[in-house]
């Protein structure tokens, strides 16, 4: 069973905390024994800072990887260790690049939560000092519809 959660980075932050930080912190609280998988980009930075640095089990890269690897990685890891709960954090750009793995993930009865961080941009490019903002914008992604179309 795959559960989906969506945090919209453009939503109003509560008490100065970004929605992404609040969502990841809440998932870590709700599933204290879950393993976290973080995709490239902002998801990697958030999970490394909030989860891995707290000593929680995580699957992270060194930060030099392609976007979209987290869902296939979660699928393989969950098949290897189906007794574990898995929390995968990825951005909207990564979901567009690797989100088709949701269909395969939905076919396997492993406890998995997918958190989509949706800020409408390729964040690393959007914040690039060379001024790549317009080229970094993504089409709007309806996270719930994206998951439903793939069986989750």
C-alpha atoms as a PDB file:
ATOM      1  CA  UNK A   1       0.000   0.000   0.000  1.00  0.00           C
ATOM      2  CA  UNK A   2       1.411   3.354  -1.012  1.00  0.00           C
ATOM      3  CA  UNK A   3       0.282   6.489   0.799  1.00  0.00           C
ATOM      4  CA  UNK A   4       0.876   9.853  -0.807  1.00  0.00           C
ATOM      5  CA  UNK A   5       1.383  13.219   0.791  1.00  0.00           C
ATOM      6  CA  UNK A   6       1.939  16.553  -0.902  1.00  0.00           C
ATOM      7  CA  UNK A   7       3.697  19.618   0.475  1.00  0.00           C
ATOM      8  CA  UNK A   8       3.427  22.728  -1.637  1.00  0.00           C
ATOM      9  CA  UNK A   9       6.437  24.962  -1.200  1.00  0.00           C
ATOM     10  CA  UNK A  10       4.386  28.008  -2.149  1.00  0.00           C
ATOM     11  CA  UNK A  11       1.933  27.439   0.709  1.00  0.00           C
ATOM     12  CA  UNK A  12       2.030  29.769   3.663  1.00  0.00           C
ATOM     13  CA  UNK A  13       4.703  28.698   6.111  1.00  0.00           C
ATOM     14  CA  UNK A  14       3.639  28.217   9.705  1.00  0.00           C
ATOM     15  CA  UNK A  15       5.660  30.068  12.311  1.00  0.00           C
ATOM     16  CA  UNK A  16       8.512  30.675   9.875  1.00  0.00           C
ATOM     17  CA  UNK A  17       8.936  26.972   9.019  1.00  0.00           C
ATOM     18  CA  UNK A  18       8.791  25.993   5.359  1.00  0.00           C
ATOM     19  CA  UNK A  19       6.050  23.527   4.380  1.00  0.00           C
ATOM     20  CA  UNK A  20       8.708  21.057   3.226  1.00  0.00           C
ATOM     21  CA  UNK A  21      10.495  21.129   6.587  1.00  0.00           C
ATOM     22  CA  UNK A  22       7.182  20.792   8.435  1.00  0.00           C
ATOM     23  CA  UNK A  23       6.074  17.842   6.282  1.00  0.00           C
ATOM     24  CA  UNK A  24       9.370  15.937   6.570  1.00  0.00           C
ATOM     25  CA  UNK A  25       9.517  16.564  10.314  1.00  0.00           C
ATOM     26  CA  UNK A  26       5.948  15.277  10.692  1.00  0.00           C
ATOM     27  CA  UNK A  27       6.644  12.145   8.621  1.00  0.00           C
ATOM     28  CA  UNK A  28       9.734  11.419  10.721  1.00  0.00           C
ATOM     29  CA  UNK A  29       7.628  11.817  13.866  1.00  0.00           C
ATOM     30  CA  UNK A  30       4.789   9.596  12.598  1.00  0.00           C
ATOM     31  CA  UNK A  31       7.082   6.837  11.362  1.00  0.00           C
ATOM     32  CA  UNK A  32      10.026   6.814  13.785  1.00  0.00           C
ATOM     33  CA  UNK A  33      11.466   3.576  12.387  1.00  0.00           C
ATOM     34  CA  UNK A  34      10.975   4.332   8.692  1.00  0.00           C
ATOM     35  CA  UNK A  35      13.841   4.484   6.273  1.00  0.00           C
ATOM     36  CA  UNK A  36      13.976   7.698   4.228  1.00  0.00           C
ATOM     37  CA  UNK A  37      14.991   7.917   0.573  1.00  0.00           C
ATOM     38  CA  UNK A  38      15.684  11.371  -0.850  1.00  0.00           C
ATOM     39  CA  UNK A  39      15.978  12.347  -4.474  1.00  0.00           C
ATOM     40  CA  UNK A  40      18.413  14.917  -5.852  1.00  0.00           C
ATOM     41  CA  UNK A  41      18.028  18.622  -5.197  1.00  0.00           C
ATOM     42  CA  UNK A  42      16.110  20.202  -2.353  1.00  0.00           C
ATOM     43  CA  UNK A  43      14.733  16.831  -1.201  1.00  0.00           C
ATOM     44  CA  UNK A  44      18.305  15.662  -0.653  1.00  0.00           C
ATOM     45  CA  UNK A  45      19.213  18.748   1.359  1.00  0.00           C
ATOM     46  CA  UNK A  46      16.095  18.565   3.530  1.00  0.00           C
ATOM     47  CA  UNK A  47      16.363  14.850   4.300  1.00  0.00           C
ATOM     48  CA  UNK A  48      20.109  15.024   4.914  1.00  0.00           C
ATOM     49  CA  UNK A  49      19.678  17.932   7.312  1.00  0.00           C
ATOM     50  CA  UNK A  50      16.523  16.818   9.102  1.00  0.00           C
ATOM     51  CA  UNK A  51      16.681  13.035   9.043  1.00  0.00           C
ATOM     52  CA  UNK A  52      20.168  11.697   8.293  1.00  0.00           C
ATOM     53  CA  UNK A  53      21.877  14.182  10.614  1.00  0.00           C
ATOM     54  CA  UNK A  54      19.524  13.018  13.382  1.00  0.00           C
ATOM     55  CA  UNK A  55      20.913   9.495  12.991  1.00  0.00           C
ATOM     56  CA  UNK A  56      17.894   8.075  11.148  1.00  0.00           C
ATOM     57  CA  UNK A  57      18.423   5.451   8.442  1.00  0.00           C
ATOM     58  CA  UNK A  58      18.436   7.037   4.980  1.00  0.00           C
ATOM     59  CA  UNK A  59      19.363   6.246   1.411  1.00  0.00           C
ATOM     60  CA  UNK A  60      21.105   9.294  -0.029  1.00  0.00           C
ATOM     61  CA  UNK A  61      23.559   9.927  -2.821  1.00  0.00           C
ATOM     62  CA  UNK A  62      26.577  12.139  -2.547  1.00  0.00           C
ATOM     63  CA  UNK A  63      24.412  14.796  -4.203  1.00  0.00           C
ATOM     64  CA  UNK A  64      25.868  14.265  -7.681  1.00  0.00           C
ATOM     65  CA  UNK A  65      23.162  12.194  -9.291  1.00  0.00           C
ATOM     66  CA  UNK A  66      20.364  12.534 -11.784  1.00  0.00           C
ATOM     67  CA  UNK A  67      16.874  13.528 -10.718  1.00  0.00           C
ATOM     68  CA  UNK A  68      14.228  10.843 -10.471  1.00  0.00           C
ATOM     69  CA  UNK A  69      16.265   8.029  -8.947  1.00  0.00           C
ATOM     70  CA  UNK A  70      14.439   7.871  -5.593  1.00  0.00           C
ATOM     71  CA  UNK A  71      11.288   5.977  -6.606  1.00  0.00           C
ATOM     72  CA  UNK A  72      13.112   3.136  -8.417  1.00  0.00           C
ATOM     73  CA  UNK A  73      15.511   2.975  -5.458  1.00  0.00           C
ATOM     74  CA  UNK A  74      12.600   2.766  -3.026  1.00  0.00           C
ATOM     75  CA  UNK A  75      11.084  -0.023  -5.114  1.00  0.00           C
ATOM     76  CA  UNK A  76      14.276  -2.087  -5.035  1.00  0.00           C
ATOM     77  CA  UNK A  77      14.951  -1.411  -1.363  1.00  0.00           C
ATOM     78  CA  UNK A  78      11.378  -2.208  -0.362  1.00  0.00           C
ATOM     79  CA  UNK A  79      11.490  -5.511  -2.219  1.00  0.00           C
ATOM     80  CA  UNK A  80      14.757  -6.360  -0.466  1.00  0.00           C
ATOM     81  CA  UNK A  81      13.431  -5.331   2.967  1.00  0.00           C
ATOM     82  CA  UNK A  82       9.600  -5.464   2.843  1.00  0.00           C
ATOM     83  CA  UNK A  83       9.332  -5.412   6.639  1.00  0.00           C
ATOM     84  CA  UNK A  84      10.515  -1.795   6.718  1.00  0.00           C
ATOM     85  CA  UNK A  85       8.429   1.327   6.184  1.00  0.00           C
ATOM     86  CA  UNK A  86       9.823   3.585   3.463  1.00  0.00           C
ATOM     87  CA  UNK A  87       9.415   7.358   3.115  1.00  0.00           C
ATOM     88  CA  UNK A  88      10.492   8.790  -0.232  1.00  0.00           C
ATOM     89  CA  UNK A  89      10.938  12.540  -0.648  1.00  0.00           C
ATOM     90  CA  UNK A  90      11.225  14.020  -4.127  1.00  0.00           C
ATOM     91  CA  UNK A  91      10.566  17.276  -5.883  1.00  0.00           C
ATOM     92  CA  UNK A  92       8.213  17.939  -8.749  1.00  0.00           C
ATOM     93  CA  UNK A  93      11.086  17.917 -11.273  1.00  0.00           C
ATOM     94  CA  UNK A  94      12.241  14.509 -10.046  1.00  0.00           C
ATOM     95  CA  UNK A  95       8.663  13.234 -10.166  1.00  0.00           C
ATOM     96  CA  UNK A  96       8.409  14.271 -13.808  1.00  0.00           C
ATOM     97  CA  UNK A  97      11.692  12.478 -14.565  1.00  0.00           C
ATOM     98  CA  UNK A  98      11.219   9.285 -12.555  1.00  0.00           C
ATOM     99  CA  UNK A  99       7.601   9.227 -11.465  1.00  0.00           C
ATOM    100  CA  UNK A 100       6.639   6.347 -13.710  1.00  0.00           C
ATOM    101  CA  UNK A 101       8.146   4.071 -11.052  1.00  0.00           C
ATOM    102  CA  UNK A 102       5.058   4.849  -8.953  1.00  0.00           C
ATOM    103  CA  UNK A 103       3.140   2.360 -11.110  1.00  0.00           C
ATOM    104  CA  UNK A 104       5.603  -0.427 -10.255  1.00  0.00           C
ATOM    105  CA  UNK A 105       5.725   0.654  -6.611  1.00  0.00           C
ATOM    106  CA  UNK A 106       1.933   0.497  -6.397  1.00  0.00           C
ATOM    107  CA  UNK A 107       1.984  -3.162  -7.456  1.00  0.00           C
ATOM    108  CA  UNK A 108       3.909  -4.254  -4.362  1.00  0.00           C
ATOM    109  CA  UNK A 109       2.331  -4.346  -0.882  1.00  0.00           C
ATOM    110  CA  UNK A 110       5.147  -2.648   1.031  1.00  0.00           C
ATOM    111  CA  UNK A 111       4.568   0.242   3.440  1.00  0.00           C
ATOM    112  CA  UNK A 112       5.655   3.314   1.480  1.00  0.00           C
ATOM    113  CA  UNK A 113       4.934   7.019   1.845  1.00  0.00           C
ATOM    114  CA  UNK A 114       5.774   9.355  -1.031  1.00  0.00           C
ATOM    115  CA  UNK A 115       6.166  13.061  -0.276  1.00  0.00           C
ATOM    116  CA  UNK A 116       6.145  15.345  -3.319  1.00  0.00           C
ATOM    117  CA  UNK A 117       7.734  18.751  -2.742  1.00  0.00           C
ATOM    118  CA  UNK A 118       6.078  20.943  -5.370  1.00  0.00           C
ATOM    119  CA  UNK A 119       7.584  24.359  -5.965  1.00  0.00           C
ATOM    120  CA  UNK A 120       7.042  24.551  -9.728  1.00  0.00           C
ATOM    121  CA  UNK A 121      10.742  24.794 -10.569  1.00  0.00           C
ATOM    122  CA  UNK A 122      13.939  22.892 -10.957  1.00  0.00           C
ATOM    123  CA  UNK A 123      15.185  24.448  -7.743  1.00  0.00           C
ATOM    124  CA  UNK A 124      18.916  24.113  -8.365  1.00  0.00           C
ATOM    125  CA  UNK A 125      18.524  25.932 -11.686  1.00  0.00           C
ATOM    126  CA  UNK A 126      15.998  28.446 -10.388  1.00  0.00           C
ATOM    127  CA  UNK A 127      18.406  29.600  -7.684  1.00  0.00           C
ATOM    128  CA  UNK A 128      21.471  29.508  -9.964  1.00  0.00           C
ATOM    129  CA  UNK A 129      23.476  32.773  -9.920  1.00  0.00           C
ATOM    130  CA  UNK A 130      23.566  32.881 -13.751  1.00  0.00           C
ATOM    131  CA  UNK A 131      19.889  33.844 -13.823  1.00  0.00           C
ATOM    132  CA  UNK A 132      18.250  30.702 -15.166  1.00  0.00           C
ATOM    133  CA  UNK A 133      14.882  31.305 -13.490  1.00  0.00           C
ATOM    134  CA  UNK A 134      12.679  31.347 -16.587  1.00  0.00           C
ATOM    135  CA  UNK A 135      14.242  28.158 -17.969  1.00  0.00           C
ATOM    136  CA  UNK A 136      13.841  26.431 -14.595  1.00  0.00           C
ATOM    137  CA  UNK A 137      10.051  26.722 -14.378  1.00  0.00           C
ATOM    138  CA  UNK A 138       8.084  23.490 -14.652  1.00  0.00           C
ATOM    139  CA  UNK A 139       4.573  22.848 -15.871  1.00  0.00           C
ATOM    140  CA  UNK A 140       2.052  22.587 -13.070  1.00  0.00           C
ATOM    141  CA  UNK A 141       1.928  19.072 -11.611  1.00  0.00           C
ATOM    142  CA  UNK A 142      -1.153  17.841  -9.771  1.00  0.00           C
ATOM    143  CA  UNK A 143       0.574  15.438  -7.382  1.00  0.00           C
ATOM    144  CA  UNK A 144      -2.600  13.595  -6.404  1.00  0.00           C
ATOM    145  CA  UNK A 145      -3.672  13.098 -10.039  1.00  0.00           C
ATOM    146  CA  UNK A 146      -0.123  12.077 -10.981  1.00  0.00           C
ATOM    147  CA  UNK A 147      -0.161   9.357  -8.313  1.00  0.00           C
ATOM    148  CA  UNK A 148      -3.710   8.237  -9.076  1.00  0.00           C
ATOM    149  CA  UNK A 149      -2.849   7.836 -12.768  1.00  0.00           C
ATOM    150  CA  UNK A 150      -0.108   5.426 -11.696  1.00  0.00           C
ATOM    151  CA  UNK A 151      -2.235   3.421  -9.276  1.00  0.00           C
ATOM    152  CA  UNK A 152      -1.437   5.033  -5.930  1.00  0.00           C
END
